[in-house]
Amino acid sequence: MTADHYAALGLAANASLADIKKAFRQKASFYHPDRNDAPDAAQRFAQVQKAYEVLSDDEARQAYDDNRRRNLLDDPLQTAQEIWQAYSSRILSSSSPSSPSSPASPL
């Protein structure tokens, strides 16, 4: 199972480093096994720690975000639209009507 680090900290994908630190402190304090008797507290605490490790490091966060986009975890429809727009703009810019190799318009 792939963990969603943003969900582990209760954050959106555009969270700032300050937001990440604040959420980590709150969640780590809440799920710390010495303070929380829940059976899954240690597991949740480990998830929060891992999320902070990844999201607080610029390179690791960029790699994680890139992987999320590749796997369409955020919003599949939005990702598909972004891919289509990038593709169509490349196609349209490479076949501009003013280029000499373009066929003449039949009108």
C-alpha atoms as a PDB file:
ATOM      1  CA  MET A   1       0.000   0.000   0.000  1.00  0.00           C
ATOM      2  CA  THR A   2       1.345   3.420  -0.951  1.00  0.00           C
ATOM      3  CA  ALA A   3       0.973   5.970   1.804  1.00  0.00           C
ATOM      4  CA  ASP A   4      -0.350   9.416   1.021  1.00  0.00           C
ATOM      5  CA  HIS A   5       2.022  11.615   2.978  1.00  0.00           C
ATOM      6  CA  TYR A   6      -0.177  14.683   2.633  1.00  0.00           C
ATOM      7  CA  ALA A   7      -3.161  12.801   4.049  1.00  0.00           C
ATOM      8  CA  ALA A   8      -1.037  11.467   6.917  1.00  0.00           C
ATOM      9  CA  LEU A   9      -0.379  15.056   7.954  1.00  0.00           C
ATOM     10  CA  GLY A  10      -3.855  16.310   7.011  1.00  0.00           C
ATOM     11  CA  LEU A  11      -2.505  18.725   4.407  1.00  0.00           C
ATOM     12  CA  ALA A  12      -3.162  19.743   0.824  1.00  0.00           C
ATOM     13  CA  ALA A  13      -0.491  19.145  -1.814  1.00  0.00           C
ATOM     14  CA  ASN A  14       0.342  22.860  -1.966  1.00  0.00           C
ATOM     15  CA  ALA A  15       1.192  23.123   1.760  1.00  0.00           C
ATOM     16  CA  SER A  16       4.146  25.284   2.740  1.00  0.00           C
ATOM     17  CA  LEU A  17       7.105  24.021   4.734  1.00  0.00           C
ATOM     18  CA  ALA A  18       5.783  25.906   7.774  1.00  0.00           C
ATOM     19  CA  ASP A  19       2.418  24.131   7.391  1.00  0.00           C
ATOM     20  CA  ILE A  20       4.195  20.785   7.123  1.00  0.00           C
ATOM     21  CA  LYS A  21       6.217  21.419  10.288  1.00  0.00           C
ATOM     22  CA  LYS A  22       3.162  22.565  12.232  1.00  0.00           C
ATOM     23  CA  ALA A  23       1.066  19.589  11.134  1.00  0.00           C
ATOM     24  CA  PHE A  24       3.916  17.198  11.925  1.00  0.00           C
ATOM     25  CA  ARG A  25       4.288  18.551  15.466  1.00  0.00           C
ATOM     26  CA  GLN A  26       0.550  18.278  16.092  1.00  0.00           C
ATOM     27  CA  LYS A  27       0.142  14.774  14.633  1.00  0.00           C
ATOM     28  CA  ALA A  28       3.354  13.435  16.187  1.00  0.00           C
ATOM     29  CA  SER A  29       2.299  14.701  19.589  1.00  0.00           C
ATOM     30  CA  PHE A  30      -1.171  13.193  19.202  1.00  0.00           C
ATOM     31  CA  TYR A  31      -0.051   9.770  17.891  1.00  0.00           C
ATOM     32  CA  HIS A  32       3.073   9.375  20.042  1.00  0.00           C
ATOM     33  CA  PRO A  33       2.826   5.884  21.598  1.00  0.00           C
ATOM     34  CA  ASP A  34       3.707   7.265  25.041  1.00  0.00           C
ATOM     35  CA  ARG A  35       0.678   9.583  24.910  1.00  0.00           C
ATOM     36  CA  ASN A  36      -1.832   7.577  22.872  1.00  0.00           C
ATOM     37  CA  ASP A  37      -3.048   4.149  23.978  1.00  0.00           C
ATOM     38  CA  ALA A  38      -4.766   3.298  20.684  1.00  0.00           C
ATOM     39  CA  PRO A  39      -3.580  -0.002  19.175  1.00  0.00           C
ATOM     40  CA  ASP A  40      -2.585   1.696  15.913  1.00  0.00           C
ATOM     41  CA  ALA A  41      -0.881   4.717  17.529  1.00  0.00           C
ATOM     42  CA  ALA A  42       2.654   3.459  16.888  1.00  0.00           C
ATOM     43  CA  GLN A  43       1.833   2.700  13.251  1.00  0.00           C
ATOM     44  CA  ARG A  44       0.204   6.105  12.738  1.00  0.00           C
ATOM     45  CA  PHE A  45       3.156   7.793  14.463  1.00  0.00           C
ATOM     46  CA  ALA A  46       5.541   6.033  12.057  1.00  0.00           C
ATOM     47  CA  GLN A  47       3.420   7.185   9.084  1.00  0.00           C
ATOM     48  CA  VAL A  48       3.546  10.775  10.330  1.00  0.00           C
ATOM     49  CA  GLN A  49       7.334  10.560  10.764  1.00  0.00           C
ATOM     50  CA  LYS A  50       7.810   9.139   7.263  1.00  0.00           C
ATOM     51  CA  ALA A  51       5.526  11.798   5.783  1.00  0.00           C
ATOM     52  CA  TYR A  52       7.543  14.527   7.466  1.00  0.00           C
ATOM     53  CA  GLU A  53      10.842  13.026   6.300  1.00  0.00           C
ATOM     54  CA  VAL A  54       9.675  13.084   2.692  1.00  0.00           C
ATOM     55  CA  LEU A  55       7.758  16.379   2.627  1.00  0.00           C
ATOM     56  CA  SER A  56      10.312  18.427   4.555  1.00  0.00           C
ATOM     57  CA  ASP A  57      13.130  17.537   2.133  1.00  0.00           C
ATOM     58  CA  ASP A  58      12.839  19.546  -1.105  1.00  0.00           C
ATOM     59  CA  GLU A  59      14.279  16.844  -3.378  1.00  0.00           C
ATOM     60  CA  ALA A  60      12.334  14.004  -1.786  1.00  0.00           C
ATOM     61  CA  ARG A  61       9.120  16.039  -1.906  1.00  0.00           C
ATOM     62  CA  GLN A  62       9.631  16.866  -5.581  1.00  0.00           C
ATOM     63  CA  ALA A  63      10.201  13.188  -6.391  1.00  0.00           C
ATOM     64  CA  TYR A  64       7.125  12.216  -4.357  1.00  0.00           C
ATOM     65  CA  ASP A  65       4.965  14.870  -6.057  1.00  0.00           C
ATOM     66  CA  ASP A  66       6.204  13.789  -9.495  1.00  0.00           C
ATOM     67  CA  ASN A  67       5.345  10.188  -8.677  1.00  0.00           C
ATOM     68  CA  ARG A  68       1.879  11.191  -7.486  1.00  0.00           C
ATOM     69  CA  ARG A  69       1.261  13.033 -10.746  1.00  0.00           C
ATOM     70  CA  ARG A  70       2.492  10.080 -12.795  1.00  0.00           C
ATOM     71  CA  ASN A  71       0.191   7.761 -10.900  1.00  0.00           C
ATOM     72  CA  LEU A  72      -2.740  10.172 -11.217  1.00  0.00           C
ATOM     73  CA  LEU A  73      -3.331  10.077  -7.456  1.00  0.00           C
ATOM     74  CA  ASP A  74      -4.416  13.675  -7.078  1.00  0.00           C
ATOM     75  CA  ASP A  75      -7.164  14.213  -9.627  1.00  0.00           C
ATOM     76  CA  PRO A  76      -7.201  11.931 -12.666  1.00  0.00           C
ATOM     77  CA  LEU A  77      -9.446  14.251 -14.685  1.00  0.00           C
ATOM     78  CA  GLN A  78      -7.288  17.313 -14.006  1.00  0.00           C
ATOM     79  CA  THR A  79      -4.112  15.373 -14.790  1.00  0.00           C
ATOM     80  CA  ALA A  80      -5.588  14.101 -18.051  1.00  0.00           C
ATOM     81  CA  GLN A  81      -6.613  17.641 -18.991  1.00  0.00           C
ATOM     82  CA  GLU A  82      -3.108  18.959 -18.261  1.00  0.00           C
ATOM     83  CA  ILE A  83      -1.569  16.208 -20.376  1.00  0.00           C
ATOM     84  CA  TRP A  84      -3.988  16.884 -23.229  1.00  0.00           C
ATOM     85  CA  GLN A  85      -3.423  20.651 -23.110  1.00  0.00           C
ATOM     86  CA  ALA A  86       0.353  20.223 -23.155  1.00  0.00           C
ATOM     87  CA  TYR A  87       0.117  17.766 -26.041  1.00  0.00           C
ATOM     88  CA  SER A  88      -2.302  19.855 -28.099  1.00  0.00           C
ATOM     89  CA  SER A  89      -0.347  23.075 -27.587  1.00  0.00           C
ATOM     90  CA  ARG A  90       2.820  21.315 -28.800  1.00  0.00           C
ATOM     91  CA  ILE A  91       1.004  19.982 -31.855  1.00  0.00           C
ATOM     92  CA  LEU A  92      -0.565  23.352 -32.657  1.00  0.00           C
ATOM     93  CA  SER A  93       2.699  25.239 -32.248  1.00  0.00           C
ATOM     94  CA  SER A  94       4.589  22.802 -34.477  1.00  0.00           C
ATOM     95  CA  SER A  95       2.054  23.064 -37.301  1.00  0.00           C
ATOM     96  CA  SER A  96       1.425  26.786 -37.504  1.00  0.00           C
ATOM     97  CA  PRO A  97      -0.419  27.917 -40.665  1.00  0.00           C
ATOM     98  CA  SER A  98       2.265  30.414 -41.599  1.00  0.00           C
ATOM     99  CA  SER A  99       4.941  27.793 -42.171  1.00  0.00           C
ATOM    100  CA  PRO A 100       5.928  27.242 -45.816  1.00  0.00           C
ATOM    101  CA  SER A 101       5.392  23.481 -45.622  1.00  0.00           C
ATOM    102  CA  SER A 102       1.698  23.873 -44.711  1.00  0.00           C
ATOM    103  CA  PRO A 103      -0.766  23.071 -47.484  1.00  0.00           C
ATOM    104  CA  ALA A 104      -2.702  25.984 -48.949  1.00  0.00           C
ATOM    105  CA  SER A 105      -6.215  26.492 -47.663  1.00  0.00           C
ATOM    106  CA  PRO A 106      -8.897  25.306 -50.145  1.00  0.00           C
ATOM    107  CA  LEU A 107     -11.049  28.398 -49.416  1.00  0.00           C
END
